[in-house]
Amino acid sequence: MRTRVAVTIVILAVIAGLPGISQIRGNYLEARNAEVYASHCFANSEVGIRGNLAVMAWHVEQGSADGILLDGLSVVAVIRAASTLGDPFSNPYPVKSVLIVDERAGPMQREALMLMAQNNARGLLTDVVRTEALPIQLSFDGSVHDRRATLVAGKTVRVETRQILDSDSLCHLDDLYYAPLSILDHAMPAFTIHNSFEGAGLNVHFSAPRRSSAYVGTFSIGRTHTD
């Protein structure tokens, strides 16, 4: 137990951005059960009713934590909040979450991936009720402005997005209503074709397709070496 605690502390310190570490960079996908790109009148109609469920996913393109290589690995979080996430007039807590790590990752890689997600999720992953390792397929196609994203985590999570089109507009006064749930370098709203969770731990299964409820973005954590 002491060995695992020590390893966790070292990885956490590295991910927090101490000098001399390798930078972790990659792509990010988020999909909620409420519109994030919509007119204010429509978004207001969902507040307190929807928006308490979300899938967050990080894919590391390149990087390591204290020599633990994370290239090509992914981690997924599914969260259930008490109310609408991002509502400035309501507290979403308590927020419970399930973390899914890439089954290809070794024990230390899994620990590093989970800590990376927790430290990049604005405090939403402090109460993790379940962790599991599954095959994760997380792909991004196109430029950052029109990127399509696809996520499949075993038989538990499935998300598919595409670029938002003019025909998706609800009343042609659409704008960004909620900010991304993760700390990102760049993000673009996206249209959710499919968004579902069929796993255990949160006492809920959900499907929330066909809405402008996603973000696709890029992230970077830590500092590059400065010799």
Protein backbone atom coordinates (compact mmCIF):
# COMPACT_ATOMS: atom_id res chain seq x y z
CA MET A 1 0.00 0.00 0.00
CA ARG A 2 2.82 2.42 0.89
CA THR A 3 4.47 1.73 -2.47
CA ARG A 4 1.27 2.54 -4.38
CA VAL A 5 0.73 5.73 -2.36
CA ALA A 6 4.30 6.83 -3.07
CA VAL A 7 3.91 6.14 -6.79
CA THR A 8 0.62 8.06 -6.85
CA ILE A 9 2.20 11.07 -5.15
CA VAL A 10 5.10 11.11 -7.61
CA ILE A 11 2.80 10.88 -10.64
CA LEU A 12 0.48 13.55 -9.23
CA ALA A 13 3.39 15.94 -8.70
CA VAL A 14 4.65 15.35 -12.21
CA ILE A 15 1.26 15.90 -13.81
CA ALA A 16 0.74 19.06 -11.77
CA GLY A 17 3.46 20.70 -13.83
CA LEU A 18 6.77 20.59 -11.97
CA PRO A 19 9.85 21.81 -13.93
CA GLY A 20 11.68 19.41 -16.21
CA ILE A 21 8.86 17.01 -17.03
CA SER A 22 7.73 15.89 -20.46
CA GLN A 23 4.64 17.60 -21.78
CA ILE A 24 1.51 15.52 -22.24
CA ARG A 25 -0.56 16.57 -25.23
CA GLY A 26 -3.49 15.07 -27.05
CA ASN A 27 -7.12 15.29 -28.16
CA TYR A 28 -10.28 15.58 -26.12
CA LEU A 29 -13.95 14.71 -26.60
CA GLU A 30 -16.93 15.67 -24.46
CA ALA A 31 -20.63 14.95 -24.91
CA ARG A 32 -23.46 15.92 -22.58
CA ASN A 33 -27.21 15.32 -22.36
CA ALA A 34 -27.95 19.04 -22.93
CA GLU A 35 -27.17 21.55 -25.65
CA VAL A 36 -23.88 23.43 -25.23
CA TYR A 37 -24.28 25.44 -28.47
CA ALA A 38 -27.79 26.89 -28.57
CA SER A 39 -29.88 30.01 -28.20
CA HIS A 40 -30.20 31.28 -24.63
CA CYS A 41 -33.94 30.69 -24.58
CA PHE A 42 -33.56 27.03 -25.53
CA ALA A 43 -30.62 26.44 -23.18
CA ASN A 44 -32.56 28.04 -20.33
CA SER A 45 -35.41 25.62 -20.96
CA GLU A 46 -33.06 22.70 -20.19
CA VAL A 47 -31.51 24.11 -17.01
CA GLY A 48 -32.48 21.99 -14.01
CA ILE A 49 -34.01 19.36 -16.27
CA ARG A 50 -31.10 18.11 -18.39
CA GLY A 51 -27.34 18.53 -18.52
CA ASN A 52 -26.41 16.51 -15.43
CA LEU A 53 -24.80 13.67 -17.43
CA ALA A 54 -21.64 13.77 -19.50
CA VAL A 55 -18.91 11.70 -21.11
CA MET A 56 -15.35 13.06 -21.12
CA ALA A 57 -12.49 11.39 -22.98
CA TRP A 58 -8.79 12.14 -23.38
CA HIS A 59 -6.44 10.55 -25.93
CA VAL A 60 -2.73 11.11 -25.38
CA GLU A 61 -0.90 11.72 -28.63
CA GLN A 62 2.48 12.09 -26.96
CA GLY A 63 3.87 12.48 -23.48
CA SER A 64 5.00 10.84 -20.29
CA ALA A 65 4.72 11.30 -16.54
CA ASP A 66 7.93 10.65 -14.60
CA GLY A 67 9.16 8.40 -17.39
CA ILE A 68 5.86 6.54 -17.69
CA LEU A 69 5.10 6.65 -21.40
CA LEU A 70 1.45 7.40 -22.24
CA ASP A 71 1.63 7.69 -26.05
CA GLY A 72 -1.50 6.39 -27.79
CA LEU A 73 -3.43 5.64 -24.59
CA SER A 74 -6.88 6.92 -23.63
CA VAL A 75 -8.99 7.46 -20.53
CA VAL A 76 -12.75 8.04 -20.33
CA ALA A 77 -14.87 9.54 -17.55
CA VAL A 78 -18.64 9.33 -17.24
CA ILE A 79 -20.17 11.70 -14.71
CA ARG A 80 -23.54 12.13 -13.05
CA ALA A 81 -24.15 15.44 -11.31
CA ALA A 82 -26.94 16.55 -9.00
CA SER A 83 -28.00 19.28 -11.42
CA THR A 84 -27.08 20.91 -14.73
CA LEU A 85 -23.32 21.09 -15.24
CA GLY A 86 -22.14 24.63 -15.86
CA ASP A 87 -25.24 26.37 -14.52
CA PRO A 88 -23.87 29.52 -12.80
CA PHE A 89 -26.90 29.69 -10.49
CA SER A 90 -26.81 26.10 -9.24
CA ASN A 91 -24.29 23.83 -7.55
CA PRO A 92 -23.89 20.57 -9.52
CA TYR A 93 -22.48 18.66 -6.53
CA PRO A 94 -22.45 15.94 -5.50
CA VAL A 95 -20.89 14.65 -8.73
CA LYS A 96 -20.15 10.94 -9.04
CA SER A 97 -18.00 9.47 -11.79
CA VAL A 98 -16.85 6.27 -13.42
CA LEU A 99 -13.34 6.11 -14.87
CA ILE A 100 -12.49 3.78 -17.75
CA VAL A 101 -8.81 3.31 -18.61
CA ASP A 102 -7.30 1.80 -21.72
CA GLU A 103 -6.92 -1.95 -21.22
CA ARG A 104 -3.56 -1.80 -23.04
CA ALA A 105 -2.10 0.31 -20.25
CA GLY A 106 0.03 -1.21 -17.51
CA PRO A 107 -0.69 -0.57 -13.80
CA MET A 108 1.44 2.58 -13.55
CA GLN A 109 0.13 3.87 -16.88
CA ARG A 110 -3.44 3.39 -15.65
CA GLU A 111 -2.67 5.31 -12.47
CA ALA A 112 -1.10 8.13 -14.49
CA LEU A 113 -4.05 8.28 -16.91
CA MET A 114 -6.58 8.50 -14.09
CA LEU A 115 -4.64 11.23 -12.30
CA MET A 116 -4.25 13.13 -15.55
CA ALA A 117 -8.02 13.07 -16.09
CA GLN A 118 -8.78 14.05 -12.49
CA ASN A 119 -6.40 17.01 -12.63
CA ASN A 120 -7.84 18.20 -15.94
CA ALA A 121 -11.56 17.99 -15.13
CA ARG A 122 -12.18 21.10 -12.99
CA GLY A 123 -12.86 19.10 -9.83
CA LEU A 124 -15.59 16.92 -11.33
CA LEU A 125 -13.74 13.63 -10.81
CA THR A 126 -13.08 13.76 -7.07
CA ASP A 127 -15.69 11.10 -6.24
CA VAL A 128 -14.85 8.11 -8.44
CA VAL A 129 -17.24 5.29 -7.60
CA ARG A 130 -15.96 2.76 -10.12
CA THR A 131 -12.88 2.15 -12.25
CA GLU A 132 -12.44 -0.43 -14.97
CA ALA A 133 -10.13 -1.28 -17.86
CA LEU A 134 -11.74 -1.72 -21.28
CA PRO A 135 -10.69 -1.60 -24.92
CA ILE A 136 -10.99 2.06 -25.94
CA GLN A 137 -11.18 3.27 -29.51
CA LEU A 138 -11.00 7.06 -29.66
CA SER A 139 -10.37 8.64 -33.06
CA PHE A 140 -10.42 12.16 -34.49
CA ASP A 141 -10.69 12.98 -38.19
CA GLY A 142 -10.39 16.36 -39.92
CA SER A 143 -9.01 19.69 -38.80
CA VAL A 144 -9.65 21.11 -35.33
CA HIS A 145 -12.46 23.29 -36.76
CA ASP A 146 -14.44 20.53 -38.49
CA ARG A 147 -13.23 17.43 -36.68
CA ARG A 148 -15.31 14.29 -36.37
CA ALA A 149 -14.78 12.18 -33.27
CA THR A 150 -15.69 8.59 -32.47
CA LEU A 151 -15.42 6.90 -29.08
CA VAL A 152 -16.14 3.29 -28.23
CA ALA A 153 -15.23 1.94 -24.78
CA GLY A 154 -16.12 -1.73 -24.69
CA LYS A 155 -19.90 -2.10 -24.65
CA THR A 156 -20.20 0.65 -22.05
CA VAL A 157 -19.72 3.99 -23.82
CA ARG A 158 -20.32 5.10 -27.38
CA VAL A 159 -20.05 8.66 -28.69
CA GLU A 160 -19.98 9.94 -32.26
CA THR A 161 -19.85 13.60 -33.32
CA ARG A 162 -19.61 15.71 -36.44
CA GLN A 163 -19.28 19.37 -37.36
CA ILE A 164 -22.28 21.59 -36.54
CA LEU A 165 -24.19 22.61 -39.68
CA ASP A 166 -26.50 25.56 -40.29
CA SER A 167 -29.39 23.13 -40.52
CA ASP A 168 -28.73 22.07 -36.90
CA SER A 169 -29.63 25.52 -35.60
CA LEU A 170 -32.61 25.67 -33.28
CA CYS A 171 -33.54 29.30 -33.91
CA HIS A 172 -30.52 30.80 -35.72
CA LEU A 173 -29.40 32.65 -32.59
CA ASP A 174 -27.15 29.85 -31.37
CA ASP A 175 -24.03 30.59 -29.37
CA LEU A 176 -21.76 28.88 -26.83
CA TYR A 177 -23.84 28.53 -23.68
CA TYR A 178 -21.65 26.24 -21.55
CA ALA A 179 -17.86 26.10 -21.46
CA PRO A 180 -16.07 22.73 -21.78
CA LEU A 181 -15.82 20.68 -18.61
CA SER A 182 -12.09 20.10 -19.11
CA ILE A 183 -9.11 22.47 -19.24
CA LEU A 184 -8.25 22.74 -22.94
CA ASP A 185 -5.94 24.61 -25.30
CA HIS A 186 -8.61 24.83 -27.99
CA ALA A 187 -12.18 23.59 -28.34
CA MET A 188 -14.96 23.63 -30.91
CA PRO A 189 -18.60 22.71 -30.31
CA ALA A 190 -19.81 19.69 -32.23
CA PHE A 191 -23.06 17.92 -33.09
CA THR A 192 -23.64 14.66 -31.25
CA ILE A 193 -24.84 11.85 -33.47
CA HIS A 194 -24.68 9.23 -30.72
CA ASN A 195 -24.01 9.48 -26.99
CA SER A 196 -24.75 6.57 -24.68
CA PHE A 197 -23.64 4.95 -21.45
CA GLU A 198 -24.66 1.41 -20.49
CA GLY A 199 -22.28 0.76 -17.61
CA ALA A 200 -22.48 0.22 -13.86
CA GLY A 201 -21.69 2.53 -10.98
CA LEU A 202 -23.88 5.58 -11.56
CA ASN A 203 -27.33 3.97 -11.24
CA VAL A 204 -28.27 5.35 -14.63
CA HIS A 205 -28.08 4.40 -18.29
CA PHE A 206 -28.58 7.13 -20.84
CA SER A 207 -28.77 7.90 -24.53
CA ALA A 208 -28.68 11.54 -25.68
CA PRO A 209 -28.24 11.76 -29.47
CA ARG A 210 -29.05 14.36 -32.13
CA ARG A 211 -28.12 17.62 -30.41
CA SER A 212 -25.33 20.22 -30.38
CA SER A 213 -24.04 18.91 -27.08
CA ALA A 214 -20.38 18.08 -27.65
CA TYR A 215 -16.92 19.60 -27.66
CA VAL A 216 -13.88 18.42 -29.57
CA GLY A 217 -10.57 19.95 -28.55
CA THR A 218 -6.88 19.65 -27.76
CA PHE A 219 -5.09 19.69 -24.42
CA SER A 220 -1.55 19.94 -23.07
CA ILE A 221 -0.33 19.38 -19.52
CA GLY A 222 3.03 20.12 -17.95
CA ARG A 223 6.13 21.82 -19.29
CA THR A 224 8.68 20.86 -21.90
CA HIS A 225 12.31 20.38 -20.92
CA THR A 226 14.38 23.57 -20.75
CA ASP A 227 18.09 22.81 -20.87
